[in-house]
Amino acid sequence: AGLIASSYDIAACVCLTFVSYFGGTGHKPRWLGWGVLIMALGSLVFALPHFTTPPYQVRVPERMGLCSANHTETCVGEEGGLSAYRYVFMLGQFLHG
């Protein structure tokens, strides 16, 4: 969670020199427009997991981590494979920065 939140500050530090130089010498409304479009793209990327992940399934806490002895039903404690979405959140925060 800290790395996702820090992606905003990392992008701000990387782009600070370029934005301050070209924003001071160039066409300011054009640079502002491009910045707003990049932030909009970052917002769409940040919202993307809401539309691409499967619906949330409620799990009973007392059955988590337990499997059936005769393997007739699937294990409840298995991961859903959503940990790769942290990179999507980091990209969204990076674009916001």
Protein backbone atom coordinates (compact mmCIF):
# COMPACT_ATOMS: atom_id res chain seq x y z
CA ALA A 1 0.00 0.00 0.00
CA GLY A 2 2.90 2.32 0.72
CA LEU A 3 4.45 1.73 -2.68
CA ILE A 4 1.15 2.51 -4.40
CA ALA A 5 0.85 5.77 -2.48
CA SER A 6 4.51 6.62 -3.14
CA SER A 7 4.11 6.19 -6.91
CA TYR A 8 2.49 9.63 -7.03
CA ASP A 9 5.50 11.27 -5.36
CA ILE A 10 8.00 9.32 -7.46
CA ALA A 11 6.36 10.53 -10.68
CA ALA A 12 6.24 14.09 -9.37
CA CYS A 13 9.98 14.01 -8.62
CA VAL A 14 10.84 12.51 -12.01
CA CYS A 15 8.72 14.96 -14.02
CA LEU A 16 9.32 18.07 -11.93
CA THR A 17 12.31 19.38 -13.90
CA PHE A 18 10.74 18.88 -17.32
CA VAL A 19 7.37 20.30 -16.35
CA SER A 20 8.84 23.37 -14.67
CA TYR A 21 11.15 24.17 -17.59
CA PHE A 22 8.76 23.53 -20.48
CA GLY A 23 5.77 24.93 -18.57
CA GLY A 24 7.64 28.17 -17.96
CA THR A 25 8.82 28.66 -21.53
CA GLY A 26 6.05 27.10 -23.60
CA HIS A 27 2.37 27.57 -24.22
CA LYS A 28 0.90 27.28 -20.70
CA PRO A 29 -2.72 26.41 -21.61
CA ARG A 30 -1.52 23.63 -23.91
CA TRP A 31 0.67 22.14 -21.15
CA LEU A 32 -2.20 22.44 -18.69
CA GLY A 33 -4.52 20.64 -21.12
CA TRP A 34 -2.05 17.80 -21.63
CA GLY A 35 -1.62 17.50 -17.86
CA VAL A 36 -5.37 17.23 -17.33
CA LEU A 37 -5.63 14.55 -20.04
CA ILE A 38 -2.82 12.53 -18.44
CA MET A 39 -4.54 12.81 -15.04
CA ALA A 40 -7.81 11.65 -16.63
CA LEU A 41 -6.01 8.66 -18.11
CA GLY A 42 -4.56 7.92 -14.67
CA SER A 43 -8.04 8.03 -13.16
CA LEU A 44 -9.33 5.59 -15.76
CA VAL A 45 -6.39 3.24 -15.15
CA PHE A 46 -6.97 3.48 -11.39
CA ALA A 47 -10.64 2.53 -11.84
CA LEU A 48 -9.89 -0.30 -14.29
CA PRO A 49 -9.77 -3.14 -11.68
CA HIS A 50 -13.35 -2.34 -10.70
CA PHE A 51 -14.49 -3.38 -14.17
CA THR A 52 -12.07 -6.25 -14.86
CA THR A 53 -12.13 -8.28 -11.64
CA PRO A 54 -14.74 -10.93 -10.87
CA PRO A 55 -17.50 -10.11 -8.37
CA TYR A 56 -16.56 -10.26 -4.71
CA GLN A 57 -17.52 -13.50 -2.96
CA VAL A 58 -18.18 -13.32 0.77
CA ARG A 59 -16.36 -16.03 2.71
CA VAL A 60 -17.29 -17.32 6.15
CA PRO A 61 -14.38 -16.54 8.56
CA GLU A 62 -14.50 -19.85 10.43
CA ARG A 63 -14.01 -21.81 7.19
CA MET A 64 -11.09 -19.81 5.82
CA GLY A 65 -7.93 -21.85 5.42
CA LEU A 66 -9.74 -25.18 5.84
CA CYS A 67 -10.12 -27.88 3.21
CA SER A 68 -12.34 -30.94 3.13
CA ALA A 69 -10.62 -34.15 4.25
CA ASN A 70 -11.92 -36.16 1.30
CA HIS A 71 -11.29 -33.30 -1.22
CA THR A 72 -14.92 -33.15 -2.35
CA GLU A 73 -14.96 -29.36 -2.27
CA THR A 74 -12.39 -26.74 -3.14
CA CYS A 75 -10.17 -25.11 -0.56
CA VAL A 76 -11.53 -21.76 0.63
CA GLY A 77 -8.23 -20.23 1.74
CA GLU A 78 -6.64 -20.06 -1.73
CA GLU A 79 -5.65 -16.67 -3.13
CA GLY A 80 -7.77 -15.15 -5.87
CA GLY A 81 -4.83 -13.97 -7.96
CA LEU A 82 -5.56 -10.27 -7.57
CA SER A 83 -2.11 -9.28 -6.33
CA ALA A 84 -1.01 -8.30 -9.85
CA TYR A 85 -3.45 -5.40 -9.76
CA ARG A 86 -1.07 -3.49 -7.48
CA TYR A 87 0.91 -2.63 -10.63
CA VAL A 88 -2.25 -1.22 -12.22
CA PHE A 89 -2.79 0.97 -9.15
CA MET A 90 0.86 2.04 -9.22
CA LEU A 91 0.55 3.03 -12.91
CA GLY A 92 -2.61 5.03 -12.14
CA GLN A 93 -0.88 6.88 -9.30
CA PHE A 94 2.20 7.41 -11.50
CA LEU A 95 0.04 9.05 -14.17
CA HIS A 96 -1.59 11.24 -11.51
CA GLY A 97 1.85 12.39 -10.38
